[in-house]
Amino acid sequence: MRILTVSPDLYGSHPGFLKQMYRLRAAVFGGRLEWDVSIANGEDRDQYDELNPTYVLAIAGSGLVAGCVRLLPASGPTMIEHTFPQLLEKGSLAPHPGMVESSRFCVDTSLASQRDRRQLHLATLTLFAGIIEWSMAKGYSEIVTATDLRFERILKRAGWPMRRLGDAVPIGNTIAIAGSLPADRVSFAQVCPRGYTSIAQIDGGPIRSAA
């Protein structure tokens, strides 16, 4: 399992991986979870994919995308503030330069059967570590996200508990929440799975820590 970060300037270099990612999102969010997402030609895409996000992908040994997440600066527009403001205590996010938004996190459990002692999928922990490592390298110290109670429990089991930014709210067929996660070396060490290889390069350049 390895991490691949795909920034806007690298979209053209990884069209196959991005297509797999969109199809995985459709299968997970539209299929398994039955969320109200926009699916066309078997792919999940929305307006936030048009804002030039960076995608962090977990690539299995087979070369298939085992998991993915979308990252956008919290300066906006963001899903958490513009699509789900009801999840925020004050209805707004109050972003700062060190804040990034994570969305569309999902894992293909058929490709990620290996689990750790906490019974968490290796792909899940690999993605957590990749998100934190990329965030630190880019100068971000805080990650915000809109998710559900099930994922909040996964984060807690991983040792990366989320600080809620408002009350839980029923949305569609799930109970949704907004929260904040630290992007620091302590969190990275906590979630990092055995055998994880640090990202040698990020967005085509050498990694540099903001810590």
Protein backbone atom coordinates (compact mmCIF):
# COMPACT_ATOMS: atom_id res chain seq x y z
CA MET A 1 0.00 0.00 0.00
CA ARG A 2 1.43 3.37 -1.01
CA ILE A 3 0.25 6.97 -1.00
CA LEU A 4 -0.07 9.04 -4.16
CA THR A 5 -0.90 12.75 -3.99
CA VAL A 6 -2.44 14.23 -7.12
CA SER A 7 -2.45 18.03 -7.25
CA PRO A 8 -4.10 19.95 -10.13
CA ASP A 9 -0.89 20.13 -12.14
CA LEU A 10 -0.65 16.33 -12.01
CA TYR A 11 -4.22 15.51 -13.07
CA GLY A 12 -3.01 14.88 -16.62
CA SER A 13 -0.35 12.46 -15.39
CA HIS A 14 -2.78 10.19 -13.50
CA PRO A 15 -6.08 10.01 -15.44
CA GLY A 16 -6.49 6.29 -14.77
CA PHE A 17 -6.14 6.65 -11.01
CA LEU A 18 -8.56 9.60 -10.95
CA LYS A 19 -11.14 7.64 -12.94
CA GLN A 20 -10.81 4.76 -10.46
CA MET A 21 -11.25 7.26 -7.63
CA TYR A 22 -14.47 8.73 -9.06
CA ARG A 23 -15.85 5.21 -9.58
CA LEU A 24 -14.89 4.15 -6.06
CA ARG A 25 -16.67 7.19 -4.65
CA ALA A 26 -19.79 6.34 -6.64
CA ALA A 27 -19.73 2.74 -5.41
CA VAL A 28 -19.26 3.72 -1.77
CA PHE A 29 -21.35 6.88 -1.38
CA GLY A 30 -24.04 6.24 -3.98
CA GLY A 31 -24.08 2.45 -3.75
CA ARG A 32 -23.14 1.09 -0.34
CA LEU A 33 -24.08 4.11 1.78
CA GLU A 34 -26.95 5.27 -0.46
CA TRP A 35 -26.14 8.95 0.02
CA ASP A 36 -27.66 11.59 -2.25
CA VAL A 37 -24.64 12.21 -4.49
CA SER A 38 -24.33 13.18 -8.16
CA ILE A 39 -23.40 10.12 -10.22
CA ALA A 40 -22.95 10.18 -13.99
CA ASN A 41 -21.43 7.39 -16.09
CA GLY A 42 -20.68 5.46 -12.92
CA GLU A 43 -18.61 8.29 -11.42
CA ASP A 44 -19.24 10.56 -8.43
CA ARG A 45 -18.30 14.18 -9.09
CA ASP A 46 -19.59 17.45 -7.68
CA GLN A 47 -18.89 21.18 -7.78
CA TYR A 48 -16.00 20.86 -5.34
CA ASP A 49 -14.09 18.71 -7.81
CA GLU A 50 -14.11 21.76 -10.09
CA LEU A 51 -12.11 23.81 -7.54
CA ASN A 52 -8.77 22.13 -8.23
CA PRO A 53 -8.45 20.05 -5.06
CA THR A 54 -5.54 17.79 -4.21
CA TYR A 55 -6.48 14.11 -4.02
CA VAL A 56 -4.66 11.71 -1.72
CA LEU A 57 -4.95 8.12 -2.95
CA ALA A 58 -4.03 4.83 -1.32
CA ILE A 59 -2.74 2.52 -4.06
CA ALA A 60 -2.79 -1.24 -3.41
CA GLY A 61 0.00 -3.55 -4.51
CA SER A 62 -2.20 -4.55 -7.44
CA GLY A 63 -2.09 -0.97 -8.72
CA LEU A 64 -5.75 -0.32 -7.93
CA VAL A 65 -7.05 2.61 -5.89
CA ALA A 66 -7.89 1.21 -2.44
CA GLY A 67 -8.94 4.53 -0.90
CA CYS A 68 -9.14 8.25 -1.53
CA VAL A 69 -9.79 11.65 -0.02
CA ARG A 70 -10.23 15.18 -1.40
CA LEU A 71 -8.44 18.17 0.16
CA LEU A 72 -9.25 21.85 -0.36
CA PRO A 73 -8.11 25.01 1.46
CA ALA A 74 -10.72 25.97 4.05
CA SER A 75 -10.64 29.55 2.72
CA GLY A 76 -13.41 28.26 0.50
CA PRO A 77 -15.70 27.51 -1.00
CA THR A 78 -15.96 24.43 1.21
CA MET A 79 -18.50 21.64 1.50
CA ILE A 80 -18.68 21.98 5.27
CA GLU A 81 -19.69 25.67 5.13
CA HIS A 82 -21.58 25.97 1.86
CA THR A 83 -23.36 22.59 1.65
CA PHE A 84 -23.72 21.65 5.34
CA PRO A 85 -23.73 24.91 7.36
CA GLN A 86 -26.34 23.38 9.69
CA LEU A 87 -23.56 21.22 11.12
CA LEU A 88 -21.62 24.24 12.36
CA GLU A 89 -22.50 25.72 15.74
CA LYS A 90 -22.51 29.28 14.39
CA GLY A 91 -23.38 28.38 10.81
CA SER A 92 -19.95 29.47 9.60
CA LEU A 93 -16.45 28.03 9.76
CA ALA A 94 -14.14 30.97 10.60
CA PRO A 95 -11.28 29.52 8.52
CA HIS A 96 -7.62 30.44 8.94
CA PRO A 97 -4.58 29.90 6.65
CA GLY A 98 -3.60 26.74 8.53
CA MET A 99 -6.95 25.01 7.95
CA VAL A 100 -7.74 22.53 5.15
CA GLU A 101 -11.00 20.67 4.42
CA SER A 102 -11.13 16.91 3.91
CA SER A 103 -14.08 15.37 2.05
CA ARG A 104 -15.10 12.28 0.10
CA PHE A 105 -12.98 9.93 2.25
CA CYS A 106 -13.67 6.32 1.31
CA VAL A 107 -11.99 2.91 1.17
CA ASP A 108 -12.56 -0.12 -1.05
CA THR A 109 -12.85 -2.78 1.64
CA SER A 110 -12.56 -5.56 -0.97
CA LEU A 111 -9.00 -4.36 -1.69
CA ALA A 112 -8.20 -3.50 1.91
CA SER A 113 -8.87 -6.67 3.88
CA GLN A 114 -5.72 -6.37 6.00
CA ARG A 115 -6.39 -4.87 9.43
CA ASP A 116 -4.27 -3.77 12.37
CA ARG A 117 -4.61 -4.62 16.06
CA ARG A 118 -7.43 -2.06 16.35
CA GLN A 119 -9.31 -3.91 13.60
CA LEU A 120 -8.99 -0.92 11.28
CA HIS A 121 -8.29 -1.38 7.57
CA LEU A 122 -4.70 -0.79 6.54
CA ALA A 123 -5.93 1.47 3.72
CA THR A 124 -7.83 3.61 6.23
CA LEU A 125 -4.78 4.13 8.44
CA THR A 126 -2.53 4.67 5.42
CA LEU A 127 -4.86 7.41 4.18
CA PHE A 128 -5.00 9.01 7.64
CA ALA A 129 -1.20 9.11 7.73
CA GLY A 130 -1.03 10.46 4.17
CA ILE A 131 -3.52 13.23 4.92
CA ILE A 132 -1.61 14.36 8.00
CA GLU A 133 1.78 14.15 6.28
CA TRP A 134 0.58 16.15 3.25
CA SER A 135 -1.11 18.72 5.50
CA MET A 136 2.01 19.30 7.59
CA ALA A 137 4.16 19.58 4.46
CA LYS A 138 1.81 22.23 3.05
CA GLY A 139 1.71 24.27 6.26
CA TYR A 140 -1.71 23.14 7.51
CA SER A 141 -2.23 22.40 11.20
CA GLU A 142 -5.98 21.75 11.28
CA ILE A 143 -8.24 19.53 9.14
CA VAL A 144 -12.00 20.06 9.12
CA THR A 145 -14.58 17.69 7.72
CA ALA A 146 -18.27 16.85 7.52
CA THR A 147 -18.86 13.17 8.16
CA ASP A 148 -21.11 10.79 10.11
CA LEU A 149 -21.18 9.10 13.50
CA ARG A 150 -19.76 5.86 12.11
CA PHE A 151 -16.63 7.61 10.84
CA GLU A 152 -16.29 9.57 14.07
CA ARG A 153 -16.02 6.23 15.88
CA ILE A 154 -13.36 5.03 13.43
CA LEU A 155 -11.29 8.16 14.08
CA LYS A 156 -11.54 7.61 17.83
CA ARG A 157 -10.43 3.98 17.50
CA ALA A 158 -7.47 5.13 15.41
CA GLY A 159 -6.38 7.45 18.22
CA TRP A 160 -7.19 10.57 16.18
CA PRO A 161 -10.36 11.85 17.90
CA MET A 162 -12.36 14.61 16.26
CA ARG A 163 -13.44 17.78 18.03
CA ARG A 164 -17.04 18.49 17.11
CA LEU A 165 -17.89 21.88 15.60
CA GLY A 166 -21.62 21.60 16.21
CA ASP A 167 -24.44 19.21 17.01
CA ALA A 168 -25.17 16.00 15.13
CA VAL A 169 -27.91 16.52 12.54
CA PRO A 170 -29.95 13.96 10.54
CA ILE A 171 -29.20 14.41 6.82
CA GLY A 172 -30.73 11.92 4.41
CA ASN A 173 -30.22 8.43 5.78
CA THR A 174 -27.36 9.28 8.14
CA ILE A 175 -26.55 11.32 11.24
CA ALA A 176 -23.99 13.91 10.15
CA ILE A 177 -21.47 15.89 12.15
CA ALA A 178 -18.75 18.45 11.48
CA GLY A 179 -15.42 18.27 13.24
CA SER A 180 -11.82 19.35 13.47
CA LEU A 181 -8.70 17.17 13.54
CA PRO A 182 -5.10 18.16 14.36
CA ALA A 183 -2.42 17.76 11.71
CA ASP A 184 0.72 17.27 13.75
CA ARG A 185 3.49 14.77 14.42
CA VAL A 186 1.73 13.30 17.46
CA SER A 187 -1.37 12.47 15.41
CA PHE A 188 0.75 11.13 12.55
CA ALA A 189 2.61 8.78 14.91
CA GLN A 190 -0.67 7.60 16.42
CA VAL A 191 -2.39 6.61 13.15
CA CYS A 192 0.66 5.56 11.12
CA PRO A 193 0.42 1.84 10.28
CA ARG A 194 3.37 -0.51 10.47
CA GLY A 195 5.31 -0.48 7.22
CA TYR A 196 4.09 2.96 6.13
CA THR A 197 6.54 4.67 3.79
CA SER A 198 6.74 8.43 4.15
CA ILE A 199 5.84 10.37 1.03
CA ALA A 200 9.16 11.01 -0.70
CA GLN A 201 7.68 13.76 -2.86
CA ILE A 202 4.52 15.81 -2.65
CA ASP A 203 3.03 17.45 -5.73
CA GLY A 204 6.21 16.84 -7.70
CA GLY A 205 8.56 18.41 -5.15
CA PRO A 206 10.50 17.20 -2.12
CA ILE A 207 8.55 16.98 1.13
CA ARG A 208 9.19 19.69 3.66
CA SER A 209 7.61 19.72 7.08
CA ALA A 210 5.92 22.82 8.41
CA ALA A 211 6.42 21.68 11.98
